PDB file of all heavy atoms in Angstrom:
ATOM      1  N   MET A   1     166.182 108.361 -51.211  1.00  0.00           N
ATOM      2  CA  MET A   1     166.890 109.628 -51.130  1.00  0.00           C
ATOM      3  C   MET A   1     167.935 109.688 -50.001  1.00  0.00           C
ATOM      4  O   MET A   1     169.086 109.837 -50.232  1.00  0.00           O
ATOM      5  CB  MET A   1     165.849 110.762 -50.945  1.00  0.00           C
ATOM      6  CG  MET A   1     166.486 112.173 -50.774  1.00  0.00           C
ATOM      7  SD  MET A   1     167.335 112.728 -52.239  1.00  0.00           S
ATOM      8  CE  MET A   1     165.967 112.846 -53.444  1.00  0.00           C
ATOM      9  N   ASN A   2     167.497 109.482 -48.765  1.00  0.00           N
ATOM     10  CA  ASN A   2     168.377 109.381 -47.616  1.00  0.00           C
ATOM     11  C   ASN A   2     168.009 108.225 -46.721  1.00  0.00           C
ATOM     12  O   ASN A   2     166.811 107.875 -46.579  1.00  0.00           O
ATOM     13  CB  ASN A   2     168.284 110.705 -46.797  1.00  0.00           C
ATOM     14  CG  ASN A   2     168.964 111.848 -47.546  1.00  0.00           C
ATOM     15  OD1 ASN A   2     170.194 111.990 -47.482  1.00  0.00           O
ATOM     16  ND2 ASN A   2     168.204 112.717 -48.208  1.00  0.00           N
ATOM     17  N   SER A   3     169.010 107.678 -46.107  1.00  0.00           N
ATOM     18  CA  SER A   3     168.720 106.531 -45.235  1.00  0.00           C
ATOM     19  C   SER A   3     167.957 107.000 -43.967  1.00  0.00           C
ATOM     20  O   SER A   3     168.166 108.142 -43.537  1.00  0.00           O
ATOM     21  CB  SER A   3     170.031 105.895 -44.799  1.00  0.00           C
ATOM     22  OG  SER A   3     169.833 104.934 -43.812  1.00  0.00           O
ATOM     23  N   THR A   4     167.142 106.231 -43.432  1.00  0.00           N
ATOM     24  CA  THR A   4     166.366 106.575 -42.240  1.00  0.00           C
ATOM     25  C   THR A   4     167.102 106.263 -40.972  1.00  0.00           C
ATOM     26  O   THR A   4     166.649 106.547 -39.842  1.00  0.00           O
ATOM     27  CB  THR A   4     164.989 105.788 -42.209  1.00  0.00           C
ATOM     28  OG1 THR A   4     165.259 104.396 -42.290  1.00  0.00           O
ATOM     29  CG2 THR A   4     164.120 106.243 -43.378  1.00  0.00           C
ATOM     30  N   THR A   5     168.333 105.648 -41.118  1.00  0.00           N
ATOM     31  CA  THR A   5     169.179 105.396 -39.917  1.00  0.00           C
ATOM     32  C   THR A   5     170.263 106.427 -39.908  1.00  0.00           C
ATOM     33  O   THR A   5     171.009 106.664 -40.831  1.00  0.00           O
ATOM     34  CB  THR A   5     169.810 104.008 -40.023  1.00  0.00           C
ATOM     35  OG1 THR A   5     168.812 103.041 -40.161  1.00  0.00           O
ATOM     36  CG2 THR A   5     170.677 103.727 -38.772  1.00  0.00           C
ATOM     37  N   PHE A   6     170.343 107.210 -38.804  1.00  0.00           N
ATOM     38  CA  PHE A   6     171.228 108.370 -38.751  1.00  0.00           C
ATOM     39  C   PHE A   6     172.330 108.123 -37.663  1.00  0.00           C
ATOM     40  O   PHE A   6     172.046 107.564 -36.617  1.00  0.00           O
ATOM     41  CB  PHE A   6     170.467 109.636 -38.415  1.00  0.00           C
ATOM     42  CG  PHE A   6     169.472 109.980 -39.471  1.00  0.00           C
ATOM     43  CD1 PHE A   6     168.087 109.692 -39.256  1.00  0.00           C
ATOM     44  CD2 PHE A   6     169.818 110.513 -40.674  1.00  0.00           C
ATOM     45  CE1 PHE A   6     167.118 109.982 -40.186  1.00  0.00           C
ATOM     46  CE2 PHE A   6     168.842 110.771 -41.655  1.00  0.00           C
ATOM     47  CZ  PHE A   6     167.506 110.512 -41.398  1.00  0.00           C
ATOM     48  N   LEU A   7     173.494 108.513 -37.915  1.00  0.00           N
ATOM     49  CA  LEU A   7     174.596 108.395 -37.038  1.00  0.00           C
ATOM     50  C   LEU A   7     174.788 109.715 -36.272  1.00  0.00           C
ATOM     51  O   LEU A   7     174.815 110.780 -36.897  1.00  0.00           O
ATOM     52  CB  LEU A   7     175.923 108.047 -37.741  1.00  0.00           C
ATOM     53  CG  LEU A   7     175.894 106.670 -38.513  1.00  0.00           C
ATOM     54  CD1 LEU A   7     177.252 106.576 -39.289  1.00  0.00           C
ATOM     55  CD2 LEU A   7     175.782 105.564 -37.518  1.00  0.00           C
ATOM     56  N   LYS A   8     174.887 109.656 -34.959  1.00  0.00           N
ATOM     57  CA  LYS A   8     175.087 110.896 -34.183  1.00  0.00           C
ATOM     58  C   LYS A   8     176.639 111.188 -34.104  1.00  0.00           C
ATOM     59  O   LYS A   8     177.432 110.337 -33.765  1.00  0.00           O
ATOM     60  CB  LYS A   8     174.550 110.759 -32.786  1.00  0.00           C
ATOM     61  CG  LYS A   8     173.047 110.593 -32.752  1.00  0.00           C
ATOM     62  CD  LYS A   8     172.530 110.488 -31.356  1.00  0.00           C
ATOM     63  CE  LYS A   8     170.988 110.442 -31.317  1.00  0.00           C
ATOM     64  NZ  LYS A   8     170.469 110.360 -29.932  1.00  0.00           N
ATOM     65  N   PRO A   9     177.030 112.411 -34.418  1.00  0.00           N
ATOM     66  CA  PRO A   9     178.456 112.747 -34.380  1.00  0.00           C
ATOM     67  C   PRO A   9     178.927 112.669 -32.879  1.00  0.00           C
ATOM     68  O   PRO A   9     178.211 113.075 -31.996  1.00  0.00           O
ATOM     69  CB  PRO A   9     178.539 114.181 -34.946  1.00  0.00           C
ATOM     70  CG  PRO A   9     177.107 114.688 -34.755  1.00  0.00           C
ATOM     71  CD  PRO A   9     176.176 113.557 -34.858  1.00  0.00           C
ATOM     72  N   THR A  10     180.131 112.182 -32.780  1.00  0.00           N
ATOM     73  CA  THR A  10     180.743 112.092 -31.479  1.00  0.00           C
ATOM     74  C   THR A  10     181.812 113.132 -31.148  1.00  0.00           C
ATOM     75  O   THR A  10     182.442 113.126 -30.108  1.00  0.00           O
ATOM     76  CB  THR A  10     181.363 110.660 -31.288  1.00  0.00           C
ATOM     77  OG1 THR A  10     182.320 110.429 -32.287  1.00  0.00           O
ATOM     78  CG2 THR A  10     180.231 109.596 -31.359  1.00  0.00           C
ATOM     79  N   LEU A  11     182.137 113.926 -32.218  1.00  0.00           N
ATOM     80  CA  LEU A  11     183.211 114.911 -32.044  1.00  0.00           C
ATOM     81  C   LEU A  11     182.591 116.326 -31.884  1.00  0.00           C
ATOM     82  O   LEU A  11     181.432 116.535 -32.173  1.00  0.00           O
ATOM     83  CB  LEU A  11     184.083 114.940 -33.313  1.00  0.00           C
ATOM     84  CG  LEU A  11     184.835 113.603 -33.643  1.00  0.00           C
ATOM     85  CD1 LEU A  11     185.571 113.727 -34.940  1.00  0.00           C
ATOM     86  CD2 LEU A  11     185.785 113.237 -32.499  1.00  0.00           C
ATOM     87  N   THR A  12     183.359 117.225 -31.364  1.00  0.00           N
ATOM     88  CA  THR A  12     182.947 118.634 -31.241  1.00  0.00           C
ATOM     89  C   THR A  12     183.507 119.387 -32.467  1.00  0.00           C
ATOM     90  O   THR A  12     184.664 119.364 -32.735  1.00  0.00           O
ATOM     91  CB  THR A  12     183.532 119.273 -29.940  1.00  0.00           C
ATOM     92  OG1 THR A  12     183.079 118.444 -28.856  1.00  0.00           O
ATOM     93  CG2 THR A  12     183.040 120.670 -29.846  1.00  0.00           C
ATOM     94  N   PHE A  13     182.585 120.030 -33.216  1.00  0.00           N
ATOM     95  CA  PHE A  13     182.947 120.647 -34.425  1.00  0.00           C
ATOM     96  C   PHE A  13     182.903 122.202 -34.296  1.00  0.00           C
ATOM     97  O   PHE A  13     182.159 122.713 -33.498  1.00  0.00           O
ATOM     98  CB  PHE A  13     181.993 120.273 -35.618  1.00  0.00           C
ATOM     99  CG  PHE A  13     181.938 118.739 -35.847  1.00  0.00           C
ATOM    100  CD1 PHE A  13     180.934 117.959 -35.407  1.00  0.00           C
ATOM    101  CD2 PHE A  13     183.078 118.170 -36.426  1.00  0.00           C
ATOM    102  CE1 PHE A  13     180.936 116.583 -35.660  1.00  0.00           C
ATOM    103  CE2 PHE A  13     183.170 116.809 -36.613  1.00  0.00           C
ATOM    104  CZ  PHE A  13     182.059 115.977 -36.269  1.00  0.00           C
ATOM    105  N   PRO A  14     183.652 122.875 -35.151  1.00  0.00           N
ATOM    106  CA  PRO A  14     183.677 124.370 -35.155  1.00  0.00           C
ATOM    107  C   PRO A  14     182.443 124.949 -35.741  1.00  0.00           C
ATOM    108  O   PRO A  14     182.305 126.153 -35.657  1.00  0.00           O
ATOM    109  CB  PRO A  14     184.948 124.711 -35.926  1.00  0.00           C
ATOM    110  CG  PRO A  14     185.063 123.554 -36.891  1.00  0.00           C
ATOM    111  CD  PRO A  14     184.629 122.362 -36.113  1.00  0.00           C
ATOM    112  N   HIS A  15     181.589 124.157 -36.392  1.00  0.00           N
ATOM    113  CA  HIS A  15     180.303 124.629 -37.030  1.00  0.00           C
ATOM    114  C   HIS A  15     180.523 125.580 -38.156  1.00  0.00           C
ATOM    115  O   HIS A  15     179.606 126.306 -38.593  1.00  0.00           O
ATOM    116  CB  HIS A  15     179.379 125.324 -35.957  1.00  0.00           C
ATOM    117  CG  HIS A  15     179.018 124.432 -34.835  1.00  0.00           C
ATOM    118  ND1 HIS A  15     178.423 123.195 -35.104  1.00  0.00           N
ATOM    119  CD2 HIS A  15     179.129 124.512 -33.512  1.00  0.00           C
ATOM    120  CE1 HIS A  15     178.174 122.551 -33.911  1.00  0.00           C
ATOM    121  NE2 HIS A  15     178.611 123.335 -32.924  1.00  0.00           N
ATOM    122  N   HIS A  16     181.763 125.664 -38.667  1.00  0.00           N
ATOM    123  CA  HIS A  16     181.966 126.459 -39.875  1.00  0.00           C
ATOM    124  C   HIS A  16     183.264 126.030 -40.499  1.00  0.00           C
ATOM    125  O   HIS A  16     184.136 125.465 -39.893  1.00  0.00           O
ATOM    126  CB  HIS A  16     181.971 127.949 -39.587  1.00  0.00           C
ATOM    127  CG  HIS A  16     183.118 128.439 -38.762  1.00  0.00           C
ATOM    128  ND1 HIS A  16     184.343 128.756 -39.325  1.00  0.00           N
ATOM    129  CD2 HIS A  16     183.241 128.492 -37.393  1.00  0.00           C
ATOM    130  CE1 HIS A  16     185.135 129.107 -38.335  1.00  0.00           C
ATOM    131  NE2 HIS A  16     184.533 128.920 -37.146  1.00  0.00           N
ATOM    132  N   SER A  17     183.394 126.400 -41.754  1.00  0.00           N
ATOM    133  CA  SER A  17     184.668 126.069 -42.495  1.00  0.00           C
ATOM    134  C   SER A  17     185.089 127.298 -43.295  1.00  0.00           C
ATOM    135  O   SER A  17     184.511 127.629 -44.328  1.00  0.00           O
ATOM    136  CB  SER A  17     184.479 124.895 -43.529  1.00  0.00           C
ATOM    137  OG  SER A  17     185.599 124.701 -44.272  1.00  0.00           O
ATOM    138  N   PRO A  18     186.029 128.055 -42.705  1.00  0.00           N
ATOM    139  CA  PRO A  18     186.426 129.364 -43.363  1.00  0.00           C
ATOM    140  C   PRO A  18     186.857 129.195 -44.781  1.00  0.00           C
ATOM    141  O   PRO A  18     186.740 130.034 -45.587  1.00  0.00           O
ATOM    142  CB  PRO A  18     187.560 129.812 -42.496  1.00  0.00           C
ATOM    143  CG  PRO A  18     187.381 129.059 -41.157  1.00  0.00           C
ATOM    144  CD  PRO A  18     186.751 127.765 -41.504  1.00  0.00           C
ATOM    145  N   GLU A  19     187.430 127.941 -45.100  1.00  0.00           N
ATOM    146  CA  GLU A  19     187.952 127.771 -46.424  1.00  0.00           C
ATOM    147  C   GLU A  19     186.812 127.809 -47.454  1.00  0.00           C
ATOM    148  O   GLU A  19     187.056 128.298 -48.610  1.00  0.00           O
ATOM    149  CB  GLU A  19     188.679 126.372 -46.544  1.00  0.00           C
ATOM    150  CG  GLU A  19     189.911 126.256 -45.731  1.00  0.00           C
ATOM    151  CD  GLU A  19     189.575 125.860 -44.317  1.00  0.00           C
ATOM    152  OE1 GLU A  19     188.417 125.729 -43.926  1.00  0.00           O
ATOM    153  OE2 GLU A  19     190.515 125.681 -43.437  1.00  0.00           O
ATOM    154  N   ILE A  20     185.635 127.337 -47.139  1.00  0.00           N
ATOM    155  CA  ILE A  20     184.514 127.339 -48.139  1.00  0.00           C
ATOM    156  C   ILE A  20     184.192 128.732 -48.564  1.00  0.00           C
ATOM    157  O   ILE A  20     183.888 129.029 -49.699  1.00  0.00           O
ATOM    158  CB  ILE A  20     183.278 126.592 -47.578  1.00  0.00           C
ATOM    159  CG1 ILE A  20     183.657 125.117 -47.324  1.00  0.00           C
ATOM    160  CG2 ILE A  20     182.131 126.685 -48.524  1.00  0.00           C
ATOM    161  CD1 ILE A  20     182.555 124.330 -46.735  1.00  0.00           C
ATOM    162  N   SER A  21     184.259 129.672 -47.660  1.00  0.00           N
ATOM    163  CA  SER A  21     183.878 131.036 -47.974  1.00  0.00           C
ATOM    164  C   SER A  21     184.849 131.701 -48.948  1.00  0.00           C
ATOM    165  O   SER A  21     184.576 132.730 -49.556  1.00  0.00           O
ATOM    166  CB  SER A  21     183.759 131.891 -46.693  1.00  0.00           C
ATOM    167  OG  SER A  21     185.066 131.957 -46.007  1.00  0.00           O
ATOM    168  N   THR A  22     186.028 131.141 -49.098  1.00  0.00           N
ATOM    169  CA  THR A  22     187.044 131.716 -50.008  1.00  0.00           C
ATOM    170  C   THR A  22     187.028 131.024 -51.348  1.00  0.00           C
ATOM    171  O   THR A  22     187.799 131.362 -52.273  1.00  0.00           O
ATOM    172  CB  THR A  22     188.448 131.516 -49.351  1.00  0.00           C
ATOM    173  OG1 THR A  22     188.770 130.157 -49.223  1.00  0.00           O
ATOM    174  CG2 THR A  22     188.509 132.203 -48.066  1.00  0.00           C
ATOM    175  N   CYS A  23     186.144 130.034 -51.507  1.00  0.00           N
ATOM    176  CA  CYS A  23     186.074 129.275 -52.847  1.00  0.00           C
ATOM    177  C   CYS A  23     185.682 130.219 -53.915  1.00  0.00           C
ATOM    178  O   CYS A  23     184.802 131.044 -53.766  1.00  0.00           O
ATOM    179  CB  CYS A  23     185.057 128.139 -52.700  1.00  0.00           C
ATOM    180  SG  CYS A  23     185.694 126.607 -52.022  1.00  0.00           S
ATOM    181  N   LYS A  24     186.289 129.974 -55.104  1.00  0.00           N
ATOM    182  CA  LYS A  24     185.912 130.691 -56.318  1.00  0.00           C
ATOM    183  C   LYS A  24     185.401 129.794 -57.417  1.00  0.00           C
ATOM    184  O   LYS A  24     184.767 130.249 -58.327  1.00  0.00           O
ATOM    185  CB  LYS A  24     187.089 131.544 -56.764  1.00  0.00           C
ATOM    186  CG  LYS A  24     187.410 132.668 -55.790  1.00  0.00           C
ATOM    187  CD  LYS A  24     188.514 133.617 -56.350  1.00  0.00           C
ATOM    188  CE  LYS A  24     188.833 134.720 -55.379  1.00  0.00           C
ATOM    189  NZ  LYS A  24     189.900 135.586 -55.908  1.00  0.00           N
ATOM    190  N   THR A  25     185.859 128.540 -57.380  1.00  0.00           N
ATOM    191  CA  THR A  25     185.508 127.607 -58.408  1.00  0.00           C
ATOM    192  C   THR A  25     185.117 126.251 -57.781  1.00  0.00           C
ATOM    193  O   THR A  25     185.491 126.023 -56.660  1.00  0.00           O
ATOM    194  CB  THR A  25     186.656 127.354 -59.391  1.00  0.00           C
ATOM    195  OG1 THR A  25     187.729 126.746 -58.728  1.00  0.00           O
ATOM    196  CG2 THR A  25     187.151 128.719 -60.030  1.00  0.00           C
ATOM    197  N   MET A  26     184.562 125.400 -58.565  1.00  0.00           N
ATOM    198  CA  MET A  26     184.215 124.012 -58.087  1.00  0.00           C
ATOM    199  C   MET A  26     185.477 123.264 -57.857  1.00  0.00           C
ATOM    200  O   MET A  26     185.547 122.383 -56.992  1.00  0.00           O
ATOM    201  CB  MET A  26     183.313 123.306 -59.134  1.00  0.00           C
ATOM    202  CG  MET A  26     181.841 123.705 -59.051  1.00  0.00           C
ATOM    203  SD  MET A  26     181.098 123.407 -57.407  1.00  0.00           S
ATOM    204  CE  MET A  26     181.283 121.638 -57.246  1.00  0.00           C
ATOM    205  N   ARG A  27     186.496 123.561 -58.555  1.00  0.00           N
ATOM    206  CA  ARG A  27     187.841 122.836 -58.325  1.00  0.00           C
ATOM    207  C   ARG A  27     188.343 123.181 -56.961  1.00  0.00           C
ATOM    208  O   ARG A  27     188.784 122.246 -56.259  1.00  0.00           O
ATOM    209  CB  ARG A  27     188.801 123.315 -59.421  1.00  0.00           C
ATOM    210  CG  ARG A  27     190.145 122.505 -59.356  1.00  0.00           C
ATOM    211  CD  ARG A  27     191.046 122.918 -60.477  1.00  0.00           C
ATOM    212  NE  ARG A  27     192.276 122.175 -60.465  1.00  0.00           N
ATOM    213  CZ  ARG A  27     193.318 122.301 -61.322  1.00  0.00           C
ATOM    214  NH1 ARG A  27     193.135 123.128 -62.374  1.00  0.00           N
ATOM    215  NH2 ARG A  27     194.378 121.579 -61.207  1.00  0.00           N
ATOM    216  N   ASP A  28     188.255 124.432 -56.565  1.00  0.00           N
ATOM    217  CA  ASP A  28     188.607 124.762 -55.126  1.00  0.00           C
ATOM    218  C   ASP A  28     187.801 124.002 -54.171  1.00  0.00           C
ATOM    219  O   ASP A  28     188.338 123.468 -53.182  1.00  0.00           O
ATOM    220  CB  ASP A  28     188.438 126.304 -54.923  1.00  0.00           C
ATOM    221  CG  ASP A  28     189.342 127.151 -55.854  1.00  0.00           C
ATOM    222  OD1 ASP A  28     190.357 126.642 -56.263  1.00  0.00           O
ATOM    223  OD2 ASP A  28     189.003 128.285 -56.025  1.00  0.00           O
ATOM    224  N   LEU A  29     186.492 123.899 -54.433  1.00  0.00           N
ATOM    225  CA  LEU A  29     185.574 123.243 -53.518  1.00  0.00           C
ATOM    226  C   LEU A  29     185.877 121.748 -53.408  1.00  0.00           C
ATOM    227  O   LEU A  29     185.835 121.184 -52.309  1.00  0.00           O
ATOM    228  CB  LEU A  29     184.107 123.444 -53.942  1.00  0.00           C
ATOM    229  CG  LEU A  29     183.096 122.941 -52.941  1.00  0.00           C
ATOM    230  CD1 LEU A  29     183.038 124.006 -51.803  1.00  0.00           C
ATOM    231  CD2 LEU A  29     181.752 122.810 -53.607  1.00  0.00           C
TER     232      LEU A  29
END
C-alpha cells in the first residue's frame, strides 16, 4: 500500500491550498 521509508519535507509549507476549495470538477482538480 505505502512504502515504510518516509521522506521528511525540507520546505516550509502554507498548510493549505486555496485553489482546491474553489474546485467544482475533477478536471479543475
